[in-house]
N, C-alpha and C. Protein backbone atom coordinates (compact mmCIF):
# COMPACT_ATOMS: atom_id res chain seq x y z
N MET A 1 -2.52 21.05 124.87
CA MET A 1 -1.97 21.09 123.52
C MET A 1 -3.13 21.28 122.54
N ASN A 2 -3.06 22.34 121.76
CA ASN A 2 -4.10 22.63 120.77
C ASN A 2 -3.60 22.22 119.39
N ILE A 3 -4.07 21.08 118.92
CA ILE A 3 -3.61 20.52 117.65
C ILE A 3 -4.69 20.72 116.59
N GLU A 4 -4.30 21.28 115.46
CA GLU A 4 -5.19 21.32 114.30
C GLU A 4 -4.84 20.13 113.42
N GLN A 5 -5.82 19.59 112.74
CA GLN A 5 -5.51 18.49 111.82
C GLN A 5 -6.33 18.60 110.55
N SER A 6 -5.75 18.09 109.50
CA SER A 6 -6.39 18.13 108.18
C SER A 6 -7.31 16.93 108.02
N ASN A 7 -8.02 16.95 106.91
CA ASN A 7 -8.72 15.75 106.47
C ASN A 7 -7.68 14.78 105.92
N CYS A 8 -8.09 13.58 105.65
CA CYS A 8 -7.21 12.57 105.04
C CYS A 8 -7.30 12.72 103.52
N ALA A 9 -6.16 12.63 102.84
CA ALA A 9 -6.12 12.78 101.38
C ALA A 9 -5.28 11.68 100.76
N ASN A 10 -5.50 11.43 99.49
CA ASN A 10 -4.70 10.45 98.75
C ASN A 10 -3.36 11.05 98.37
N LEU A 11 -2.32 10.23 98.39
CA LEU A 11 -0.99 10.67 97.97
C LEU A 11 -0.32 9.55 97.17
N PRO A 12 -0.51 9.55 95.84
CA PRO A 12 0.24 8.58 95.03
C PRO A 12 1.69 9.05 94.92
N THR A 13 2.65 8.14 95.12
CA THR A 13 4.07 8.49 95.08
C THR A 13 4.83 7.47 94.25
N LYS A 14 6.12 7.72 94.07
CA LYS A 14 6.97 6.76 93.38
C LYS A 14 7.14 5.48 94.19
N TYR A 15 6.83 5.52 95.49
CA TYR A 15 6.94 4.35 96.35
C TYR A 15 5.68 3.51 96.34
N GLY A 16 4.55 4.13 96.05
CA GLY A 16 3.25 3.47 96.09
C GLY A 16 2.19 4.49 96.44
N LYS A 17 0.99 3.99 96.68
CA LYS A 17 -0.14 4.86 97.01
C LYS A 17 -0.30 4.92 98.53
N PHE A 18 -0.43 6.15 99.03
CA PHE A 18 -0.57 6.39 100.45
C PHE A 18 -1.78 7.28 100.71
N LYS A 19 -2.14 7.38 101.97
CA LYS A 19 -3.06 8.38 102.49
C LYS A 19 -2.22 9.29 103.37
N ILE A 20 -2.53 10.59 103.38
CA ILE A 20 -1.79 11.51 104.26
C ILE A 20 -2.77 12.33 105.08
N LYS A 21 -2.27 12.71 106.25
CA LYS A 21 -3.02 13.59 107.15
C LYS A 21 -2.00 14.49 107.81
N ALA A 22 -2.30 15.79 107.89
CA ALA A 22 -1.38 16.75 108.50
C ALA A 22 -1.88 17.16 109.88
N TYR A 23 -0.92 17.43 110.76
CA TYR A 23 -1.20 17.85 112.13
C TYR A 23 -0.38 19.12 112.39
N LYS A 24 -1.04 20.16 112.92
CA LYS A 24 -0.35 21.42 113.20
C LYS A 24 -0.32 21.63 114.71
N ASP A 25 0.90 21.73 115.22
CA ASP A 25 1.15 21.93 116.65
C ASP A 25 1.92 23.24 116.78
N GLY A 26 1.22 24.35 117.07
CA GLY A 26 1.88 25.64 117.08
C GLY A 26 2.34 26.00 115.68
N ALA A 27 3.64 26.28 115.53
CA ALA A 27 4.18 26.64 114.21
C ALA A 27 4.63 25.42 113.42
N GLN A 28 4.68 24.26 114.06
CA GLN A 28 5.20 23.07 113.38
C GLN A 28 4.07 22.21 112.83
N GLU A 29 4.27 21.73 111.60
CA GLU A 29 3.28 20.88 110.95
C GLU A 29 3.93 19.54 110.63
N HIS A 30 3.25 18.48 110.99
CA HIS A 30 3.76 17.12 110.85
C HIS A 30 2.83 16.33 109.94
N LEU A 31 3.34 15.23 109.40
CA LEU A 31 2.53 14.40 108.50
C LEU A 31 2.43 12.97 109.00
N ALA A 32 1.26 12.38 108.81
CA ALA A 32 1.08 10.94 108.93
C ALA A 32 0.90 10.42 107.51
N ILE A 33 1.80 9.54 107.09
CA ILE A 33 1.79 8.97 105.74
C ILE A 33 1.45 7.50 105.91
N MET A 34 0.23 7.11 105.52
CA MET A 34 -0.30 5.78 105.79
C MET A 34 -0.44 4.96 104.52
N SER A 35 -0.17 3.66 104.63
CA SER A 35 -0.45 2.76 103.52
C SER A 35 -1.96 2.73 103.32
N GLU A 36 -2.38 2.35 102.11
CA GLU A 36 -3.82 2.33 101.81
C GLU A 36 -4.57 1.36 102.72
N ASN A 37 -3.89 0.30 103.18
CA ASN A 37 -4.54 -0.70 104.02
C ASN A 37 -4.34 -0.43 105.52
N PHE A 38 -3.87 0.75 105.88
CA PHE A 38 -3.52 1.06 107.27
C PHE A 38 -4.64 0.74 108.26
N ASN A 39 -5.86 1.14 107.93
CA ASN A 39 -6.98 0.93 108.85
C ASN A 39 -7.34 -0.54 109.05
N ASP A 40 -6.84 -1.41 108.20
CA ASP A 40 -7.12 -2.85 108.33
C ASP A 40 -6.05 -3.58 109.15
N LEU A 41 -5.01 -2.88 109.57
CA LEU A 41 -3.88 -3.52 110.25
C LEU A 41 -4.04 -3.47 111.77
N ASP A 42 -3.85 -4.61 112.41
CA ASP A 42 -3.87 -4.65 113.88
C ASP A 42 -2.54 -4.18 114.46
N VAL A 43 -1.43 -4.54 113.78
CA VAL A 43 -0.10 -4.20 114.26
C VAL A 43 0.69 -3.61 113.08
N PRO A 44 0.52 -2.30 112.82
CA PRO A 44 1.20 -1.70 111.67
C PRO A 44 2.70 -1.53 111.91
N TYR A 45 3.44 -1.49 110.83
CA TYR A 45 4.83 -1.04 110.87
C TYR A 45 4.79 0.47 110.97
N VAL A 46 5.64 1.06 111.82
CA VAL A 46 5.64 2.51 112.02
C VAL A 46 7.07 3.02 112.06
N ARG A 47 7.31 4.11 111.35
CA ARG A 47 8.57 4.84 111.44
C ARG A 47 8.26 6.27 111.84
N ILE A 48 8.91 6.76 112.88
CA ILE A 48 8.86 8.17 113.26
C ILE A 48 10.11 8.78 112.64
N HIS A 49 9.92 9.46 111.51
CA HIS A 49 11.07 9.98 110.76
C HIS A 49 11.26 11.46 111.06
N SER A 50 12.42 11.79 111.58
CA SER A 50 12.73 13.19 111.91
C SER A 50 13.15 13.96 110.66
N GLU A 51 12.50 15.09 110.47
CA GLU A 51 12.76 15.95 109.30
C GLU A 51 14.24 16.25 109.12
N CYS A 52 14.67 16.19 107.86
CA CYS A 52 16.04 16.56 107.51
C CYS A 52 15.99 17.13 106.10
N LEU A 53 15.81 18.43 105.98
CA LEU A 53 15.70 19.05 104.66
C LEU A 53 16.92 18.76 103.80
N THR A 54 18.11 18.88 104.38
CA THR A 54 19.33 18.70 103.59
C THR A 54 19.46 17.26 103.09
N GLY A 55 19.05 16.30 103.90
CA GLY A 55 19.11 14.90 103.48
C GLY A 55 17.90 14.49 102.67
N ASP A 56 16.70 14.67 103.24
CA ASP A 56 15.47 14.20 102.61
C ASP A 56 15.21 14.84 101.26
N THR A 57 15.49 16.13 101.14
CA THR A 57 15.16 16.87 99.92
C THR A 57 16.36 17.09 99.01
N LEU A 58 17.50 17.47 99.60
CA LEU A 58 18.67 17.81 98.79
C LEU A 58 19.60 16.63 98.56
N GLY A 59 19.37 15.52 99.25
CA GLY A 59 20.21 14.34 99.05
C GLY A 59 21.58 14.44 99.69
N SER A 60 21.69 15.19 100.79
CA SER A 60 22.98 15.31 101.47
C SER A 60 23.56 13.94 101.80
N LEU A 61 24.85 13.80 101.58
CA LEU A 61 25.56 12.56 101.91
C LEU A 61 26.15 12.61 103.32
N LYS A 62 25.94 13.73 104.05
CA LYS A 62 26.49 13.88 105.40
C LYS A 62 25.70 13.10 106.44
N CYS A 63 24.53 12.60 106.08
CA CYS A 63 23.70 11.87 107.02
C CYS A 63 23.10 10.65 106.32
N ASP A 64 22.31 9.89 107.06
CA ASP A 64 21.64 8.72 106.49
C ASP A 64 20.12 8.93 106.42
N CYS A 65 19.67 10.18 106.55
CA CYS A 65 18.25 10.48 106.66
C CYS A 65 17.44 10.12 105.41
N GLN A 66 17.88 10.57 104.24
CA GLN A 66 17.13 10.26 103.02
C GLN A 66 17.09 8.75 102.79
N ASN A 67 18.20 8.07 103.04
CA ASN A 67 18.22 6.62 102.85
C ASN A 67 17.23 5.93 103.79
N GLN A 68 17.14 6.41 105.03
CA GLN A 68 16.20 5.82 105.99
C GLN A 68 14.75 6.12 105.60
N LEU A 69 14.48 7.33 105.12
CA LEU A 69 13.13 7.68 104.67
C LEU A 69 12.74 6.83 103.46
N ASP A 70 13.64 6.70 102.48
CA ASP A 70 13.37 5.85 101.32
C ASP A 70 13.07 4.41 101.75
N LEU A 71 13.92 3.89 102.64
CA LEU A 71 13.73 2.53 103.15
C LEU A 71 12.36 2.38 103.79
N ALA A 72 11.99 3.33 104.64
CA ALA A 72 10.71 3.26 105.35
C ALA A 72 9.52 3.36 104.40
N LEU A 73 9.55 4.29 103.45
CA LEU A 73 8.42 4.44 102.53
C LEU A 73 8.25 3.22 101.64
N LYS A 74 9.35 2.65 101.17
CA LYS A 74 9.26 1.42 100.37
C LYS A 74 8.70 0.28 101.21
N PHE A 75 9.18 0.16 102.43
CA PHE A 75 8.76 -0.91 103.32
C PHE A 75 7.27 -0.77 103.68
N ILE A 76 6.85 0.45 104.03
CA ILE A 76 5.45 0.69 104.41
C ILE A 76 4.54 0.47 103.20
N ALA A 77 4.97 0.88 102.02
CA ALA A 77 4.15 0.66 100.81
C ALA A 77 3.94 -0.83 100.59
N ALA A 78 4.97 -1.64 100.86
CA ALA A 78 4.88 -3.08 100.62
C ALA A 78 4.21 -3.84 101.77
N GLN A 79 4.52 -3.45 103.01
CA GLN A 79 4.07 -4.23 104.17
C GLN A 79 2.85 -3.64 104.88
N GLY A 80 2.62 -2.36 104.71
CA GLY A 80 1.51 -1.69 105.37
C GLY A 80 1.94 -1.02 106.66
N GLY A 81 1.47 0.20 106.87
CA GLY A 81 1.81 0.88 108.10
C GLY A 81 1.77 2.38 107.95
N LEU A 82 2.68 3.03 108.68
CA LEU A 82 2.63 4.47 108.86
C LEU A 82 4.03 5.05 108.98
N VAL A 83 4.27 6.16 108.30
CA VAL A 83 5.46 6.98 108.53
C VAL A 83 4.98 8.30 109.10
N ILE A 84 5.46 8.64 110.29
CA ILE A 84 5.19 9.97 110.84
C ILE A 84 6.37 10.84 110.46
N TYR A 85 6.09 11.87 109.66
CA TYR A 85 7.15 12.81 109.28
C TYR A 85 7.17 13.90 110.33
N HIS A 86 8.09 13.78 111.25
CA HIS A 86 8.21 14.61 112.45
C HIS A 86 9.06 15.82 112.12
N ARG A 87 8.42 16.97 112.00
CA ARG A 87 9.09 18.16 111.48
C ARG A 87 9.74 18.97 112.58
N GLN A 88 10.92 18.54 112.99
CA GLN A 88 11.72 19.28 113.95
C GLN A 88 13.17 19.23 113.45
N GLU A 89 13.43 20.05 112.46
CA GLU A 89 14.71 20.07 111.74
C GLU A 89 15.92 20.11 112.67
N GLY A 90 16.91 19.29 112.34
CA GLY A 90 18.18 19.32 113.06
C GLY A 90 18.05 18.99 114.53
N ARG A 91 17.27 17.97 114.85
CA ARG A 91 16.97 17.62 116.24
C ARG A 91 16.35 18.79 116.99
N ASN A 92 15.56 19.56 116.22
CA ASN A 92 14.76 20.69 116.70
C ASN A 92 15.58 21.95 117.01
N ILE A 93 16.68 22.14 116.28
CA ILE A 93 17.42 23.40 116.43
C ILE A 93 17.14 24.35 115.26
N GLY A 94 16.42 23.88 114.26
CA GLY A 94 16.07 24.71 113.12
C GLY A 94 17.12 24.66 112.02
N LEU A 95 16.71 25.07 110.84
CA LEU A 95 17.57 24.98 109.66
C LEU A 95 18.79 25.90 109.75
N LEU A 96 18.60 27.13 110.20
CA LEU A 96 19.73 28.06 110.30
C LEU A 96 20.80 27.49 111.23
N ASN A 97 20.38 27.03 112.40
CA ASN A 97 21.34 26.48 113.35
C ASN A 97 21.92 25.15 112.87
N LYS A 98 21.15 24.39 112.11
CA LYS A 98 21.67 23.15 111.55
C LYS A 98 22.82 23.45 110.58
N VAL A 99 22.65 24.48 109.76
CA VAL A 99 23.72 24.84 108.83
C VAL A 99 24.94 25.34 109.61
N ASN A 100 24.71 26.08 110.69
CA ASN A 100 25.84 26.48 111.56
C ASN A 100 26.51 25.26 112.17
N ALA A 101 25.72 24.25 112.56
CA ALA A 101 26.29 23.01 113.09
C ALA A 101 27.11 22.29 112.01
N TYR A 102 26.61 22.30 110.77
CA TYR A 102 27.37 21.73 109.65
C TYR A 102 28.73 22.42 109.52
N ALA A 103 28.73 23.75 109.65
CA ALA A 103 29.99 24.50 109.52
C ALA A 103 30.97 24.08 110.62
N LEU A 104 30.46 23.87 111.83
CA LEU A 104 31.33 23.39 112.92
C LEU A 104 31.81 21.96 112.65
N GLN A 105 30.95 21.15 112.05
CA GLN A 105 31.36 19.80 111.68
C GLN A 105 32.45 19.83 110.61
N ASP A 106 32.37 20.81 109.72
CA ASP A 106 33.42 20.97 108.70
C ASP A 106 34.78 21.28 109.36
N GLN A 107 34.73 21.83 110.58
CA GLN A 107 35.96 22.15 111.32
C GLN A 107 36.39 21.01 112.25
N GLY A 108 35.68 19.89 112.21
CA GLY A 108 36.10 18.71 112.97
C GLY A 108 35.22 18.29 114.12
N ARG A 109 34.18 19.10 114.47
CA ARG A 109 33.29 18.66 115.55
C ARG A 109 32.37 17.56 115.05
N ASN A 110 31.90 16.72 115.97
CA ASN A 110 30.87 15.77 115.58
C ASN A 110 29.51 16.44 115.76
N THR A 111 28.45 15.76 115.41
CA THR A 111 27.11 16.35 115.44
C THR A 111 26.70 16.78 116.85
N ILE A 112 27.09 16.04 117.86
CA ILE A 112 26.76 16.40 119.25
C ILE A 112 27.57 17.61 119.69
N GLU A 113 28.87 17.58 119.46
CA GLU A 113 29.73 18.71 119.84
C GLU A 113 29.27 20.00 119.19
N ALA A 114 28.86 19.92 117.93
CA ALA A 114 28.40 21.12 117.21
C ALA A 114 27.14 21.69 117.87
N ASN A 115 26.17 20.83 118.17
CA ASN A 115 24.94 21.31 118.82
C ASN A 115 25.24 21.94 120.17
N LEU A 116 26.09 21.28 120.96
CA LEU A 116 26.44 21.81 122.28
C LEU A 116 27.16 23.15 122.17
N GLU A 117 28.07 23.27 121.21
CA GLU A 117 28.80 24.52 121.03
C GLU A 117 27.88 25.67 120.64
N LEU A 118 26.79 25.34 119.96
CA LEU A 118 25.82 26.37 119.57
C LEU A 118 24.83 26.68 120.69
N GLY A 119 24.97 25.99 121.83
CA GLY A 119 24.11 26.29 122.97
C GLY A 119 22.86 25.43 123.09
N PHE A 120 22.81 24.33 122.33
CA PHE A 120 21.67 23.43 122.38
C PHE A 120 22.05 22.14 123.08
N ASN A 121 21.04 21.34 123.40
CA ASN A 121 21.28 19.99 123.87
C ASN A 121 21.67 19.13 122.68
N GLU A 122 22.16 17.92 122.94
CA GLU A 122 22.49 17.05 121.81
C GLU A 122 21.24 16.68 121.02
N ASP A 123 20.07 16.69 121.66
CA ASP A 123 18.82 16.37 120.99
C ASP A 123 17.69 17.13 121.68
N ASP A 124 17.10 18.11 121.01
CA ASP A 124 16.04 18.93 121.58
C ASP A 124 14.65 18.58 121.04
N ARG A 125 14.50 17.40 120.43
CA ARG A 125 13.20 17.05 119.86
C ARG A 125 12.15 16.81 120.96
N ASP A 126 10.93 17.17 120.65
CA ASP A 126 9.76 16.94 121.50
C ASP A 126 8.83 16.03 120.70
N TYR A 127 8.58 14.84 121.24
CA TYR A 127 7.78 13.85 120.51
C TYR A 127 6.30 13.87 120.88
N SER A 128 5.83 14.87 121.62
CA SER A 128 4.45 14.84 122.11
C SER A 128 3.41 14.75 120.99
N ILE A 129 3.70 15.29 119.83
CA ILE A 129 2.75 15.19 118.70
C ILE A 129 2.54 13.72 118.31
N VAL A 130 3.53 12.89 118.51
CA VAL A 130 3.42 11.46 118.16
C VAL A 130 2.29 10.82 118.97
N GLU A 131 2.20 11.15 120.25
CA GLU A 131 1.12 10.61 121.08
C GLU A 131 -0.24 11.01 120.50
N HIS A 132 -0.39 12.26 120.10
CA HIS A 132 -1.65 12.72 119.52
C HIS A 132 -1.97 11.95 118.23
N ILE A 133 -0.97 11.77 117.38
CA ILE A 133 -1.19 11.05 116.12
C ILE A 133 -1.57 9.59 116.39
N PHE A 134 -0.88 8.95 117.33
CA PHE A 134 -1.22 7.56 117.66
C PHE A 134 -2.67 7.46 118.15
N LYS A 135 -3.08 8.38 119.02
CA LYS A 135 -4.46 8.35 119.54
C LYS A 135 -5.45 8.61 118.41
N ASP A 136 -5.16 9.60 117.57
CA ASP A 136 -6.07 9.93 116.47
C ASP A 136 -6.24 8.76 115.51
N LEU A 137 -5.15 8.05 115.25
CA LEU A 137 -5.19 6.95 114.28
C LEU A 137 -5.45 5.60 114.93
N GLY A 138 -5.57 5.56 116.25
CA GLY A 138 -5.90 4.31 116.94
C GLY A 138 -4.75 3.32 117.03
N VAL A 139 -3.50 3.81 117.08
CA VAL A 139 -2.34 2.92 117.15
C VAL A 139 -2.10 2.53 118.62
N LYS A 140 -2.27 1.23 118.91
CA LYS A 140 -2.04 0.72 120.27
C LYS A 140 -0.91 -0.30 120.31
N LYS A 141 -0.64 -0.93 119.16
CA LYS A 141 0.46 -1.88 118.99
C LYS A 141 1.14 -1.55 117.68
N LEU A 142 2.45 -1.78 117.61
CA LEU A 142 3.16 -1.49 116.36
C LEU A 142 4.44 -2.29 116.27
N ARG A 143 4.98 -2.27 115.08
CA ARG A 143 6.33 -2.75 114.81
C ARG A 143 7.13 -1.51 114.46
N LEU A 144 8.05 -1.12 115.32
CA LEU A 144 8.73 0.17 115.19
C LEU A 144 10.00 0.05 114.36
N ILE A 145 10.09 0.87 113.32
CA ILE A 145 11.26 0.90 112.45
C ILE A 145 12.17 2.03 112.95
N THR A 146 13.21 1.67 113.69
CA THR A 146 14.10 2.69 114.25
C THR A 146 15.41 2.08 114.72
N ASN A 147 16.40 2.94 114.85
CA ASN A 147 17.67 2.60 115.51
C ASN A 147 17.82 3.39 116.81
N ASN A 148 16.88 4.32 117.06
CA ASN A 148 17.03 5.31 118.12
C ASN A 148 16.39 4.84 119.43
N PRO A 149 17.19 4.60 120.48
CA PRO A 149 16.63 4.14 121.75
C PRO A 149 15.71 5.17 122.41
N LYS A 150 15.89 6.47 122.14
CA LYS A 150 14.99 7.49 122.70
C LYS A 150 13.59 7.37 122.11
N LYS A 151 13.50 7.04 120.83
CA LYS A 151 12.18 6.86 120.21
C LYS A 151 11.51 5.61 120.78
N ILE A 152 12.28 4.56 121.00
CA ILE A 152 11.73 3.34 121.61
C ILE A 152 11.19 3.65 123.00
N ALA A 153 11.98 4.33 123.81
CA ALA A 153 11.58 4.68 125.18
C ALA A 153 10.34 5.57 125.17
N TYR A 154 10.28 6.51 124.24
CA TYR A 154 9.12 7.40 124.19
C TYR A 154 7.85 6.62 123.86
N VAL A 155 7.91 5.78 122.84
CA VAL A 155 6.73 5.00 122.44
C VAL A 155 6.30 4.09 123.60
N GLU A 156 7.26 3.47 124.27
CA GLU A 156 6.92 2.61 125.42
C GLU A 156 6.27 3.43 126.54
N SER A 157 6.73 4.68 126.74
CA SER A 157 6.17 5.53 127.80
C SER A 157 4.70 5.88 127.55
N LEU A 158 4.25 5.74 126.31
CA LEU A 158 2.86 6.03 125.96
C LEU A 158 1.95 4.84 126.25
N GLY A 159 2.55 3.70 126.58
CA GLY A 159 1.76 2.49 126.78
C GLY A 159 1.43 1.79 125.48
N VAL A 160 2.08 2.19 124.41
CA VAL A 160 1.91 1.53 123.11
C VAL A 160 2.83 0.32 123.09
N ASP A 161 2.30 -0.81 122.70
CA ASP A 161 3.04 -2.07 122.71
C ASP A 161 3.92 -2.18 121.45
N ILE A 162 5.23 -2.23 121.66
CA ILE A 162 6.16 -2.45 120.55
C ILE A 162 6.34 -3.96 120.42
N VAL A 163 5.70 -4.54 119.42
CA VAL A 163 5.74 -5.98 119.19
C VAL A 163 7.09 -6.40 118.62
N GLN A 164 7.69 -5.51 117.85
CA GLN A 164 8.97 -5.81 117.19
C GLN A 164 9.67 -4.50 116.84
N ARG A 165 11.02 -4.51 116.93
CA ARG A 165 11.80 -3.38 116.43
C ARG A 165 12.47 -3.82 115.14
N ILE A 166 12.28 -3.04 114.11
CA ILE A 166 12.89 -3.29 112.81
C ILE A 166 14.04 -2.29 112.66
N PRO A 167 15.29 -2.75 112.49
CA PRO A 167 16.41 -1.81 112.29
C PRO A 167 16.24 -1.03 110.98
N ALA A 168 16.68 0.21 111.00
CA ALA A 168 16.68 1.06 109.80
C ALA A 168 18.13 1.23 109.37
N ILE A 169 18.70 0.17 108.85
CA ILE A 169 20.12 0.16 108.48
C ILE A 169 20.24 0.46 107.00
N THR A 170 21.07 1.44 106.69
CA THR A 170 21.33 1.79 105.29
C THR A 170 22.85 1.84 105.09
N LYS A 171 23.25 1.88 103.85
CA LYS A 171 24.67 1.89 103.52
C LYS A 171 25.30 3.23 103.88
N SER A 172 26.46 3.16 104.52
CA SER A 172 27.18 4.39 104.84
C SER A 172 28.10 4.78 103.68
N ASN A 173 28.62 5.99 103.76
CA ASN A 173 29.55 6.47 102.75
C ASN A 173 30.66 7.26 103.44
N GLN A 174 31.60 7.75 102.67
CA GLN A 174 32.75 8.47 103.25
C GLN A 174 32.35 9.76 103.97
N TYR A 175 31.19 10.34 103.61
CA TYR A 175 30.76 11.60 104.20
C TYR A 175 29.94 11.42 105.48
N ASN A 176 29.26 10.26 105.62
CA ASN A 176 28.40 10.10 106.80
C ASN A 176 28.91 9.07 107.81
N LYS A 177 30.03 8.43 107.54
CA LYS A 177 30.54 7.40 108.44
C LYS A 177 30.77 7.95 109.85
N HIS A 178 31.39 9.12 109.97
CA HIS A 178 31.65 9.72 111.28
C HIS A 178 30.34 10.05 112.00
N TYR A 179 29.35 10.55 111.25
CA TYR A 179 28.03 10.88 111.79
C TYR A 179 27.35 9.62 112.34
N ILE A 180 27.37 8.54 111.57
CA ILE A 180 26.75 7.29 112.00
C ILE A 180 27.49 6.71 113.21
N ASP A 181 28.82 6.77 113.18
CA ASP A 181 29.61 6.30 114.33
C ASP A 181 29.27 7.10 115.59
N THR A 182 29.09 8.41 115.46
CA THR A 182 28.72 9.26 116.60
C THR A 182 27.36 8.86 117.14
N LYS A 183 26.39 8.61 116.26
CA LYS A 183 25.06 8.19 116.72
C LYS A 183 25.15 6.86 117.47
N LYS A 184 25.98 5.97 116.98
CA LYS A 184 26.13 4.65 117.61
C LYS A 184 26.88 4.75 118.93
N GLU A 185 28.02 5.41 118.95
CA GLU A 185 28.90 5.42 120.11
C GLU A 185 28.47 6.39 121.20
N HIS A 186 27.88 7.52 120.84
CA HIS A 186 27.56 8.55 121.82
C HIS A 186 26.07 8.71 122.11
N MET A 187 25.21 8.23 121.20
CA MET A 187 23.78 8.38 121.40
C MET A 187 23.10 7.02 121.58
N GLY A 188 23.87 5.95 121.51
CA GLY A 188 23.34 4.62 121.76
C GLY A 188 22.46 4.04 120.68
N HIS A 189 22.56 4.59 119.45
CA HIS A 189 21.74 4.05 118.37
C HIS A 189 22.11 2.60 118.12
N LEU A 190 21.10 1.83 117.75
CA LEU A 190 21.23 0.37 117.60
C LEU A 190 21.47 0.03 116.14
N PHE A 191 22.69 -0.32 115.81
CA PHE A 191 23.01 -0.68 114.42
C PHE A 191 23.37 -2.15 114.33
């Protein structure tokens, strides 16, 4: 794996002051968003946040992505740690296919059925960049902010010690309730 990486830079935000570092893996570029005290932490809080342009940027109510990102950034700013912004849109099917999946969801499919109908797996994400980021930043123990059992299993497979799992629970609405129920009932997410 040939990974390019940036220098570390300051990023003041509405959530607080962070440091950021970018990692380029082929055509995909990911971010490590660290609290200012990150290097002083033995066991940082960590969220591996999967990119969601429609939620994170446009405020889509069809998912809980922006709410989870807001929760994580506020929490990391206050408690210290790291958010990895994992850029694999739509569980790595890309934006065009994600919009096609949305159209199928408008016709009654759930998020998994839509991906399968488009010829993808229910989740095509590749987390290998996370291992590189953990090694680069020296993360050996963490408190993982997630509901996703696949992310837990992946981090454990790296030999990184998960000291604690912090749920990423946010308020549901009429537009994302079916989506959240599907993640819980069919993907085993921990709510």
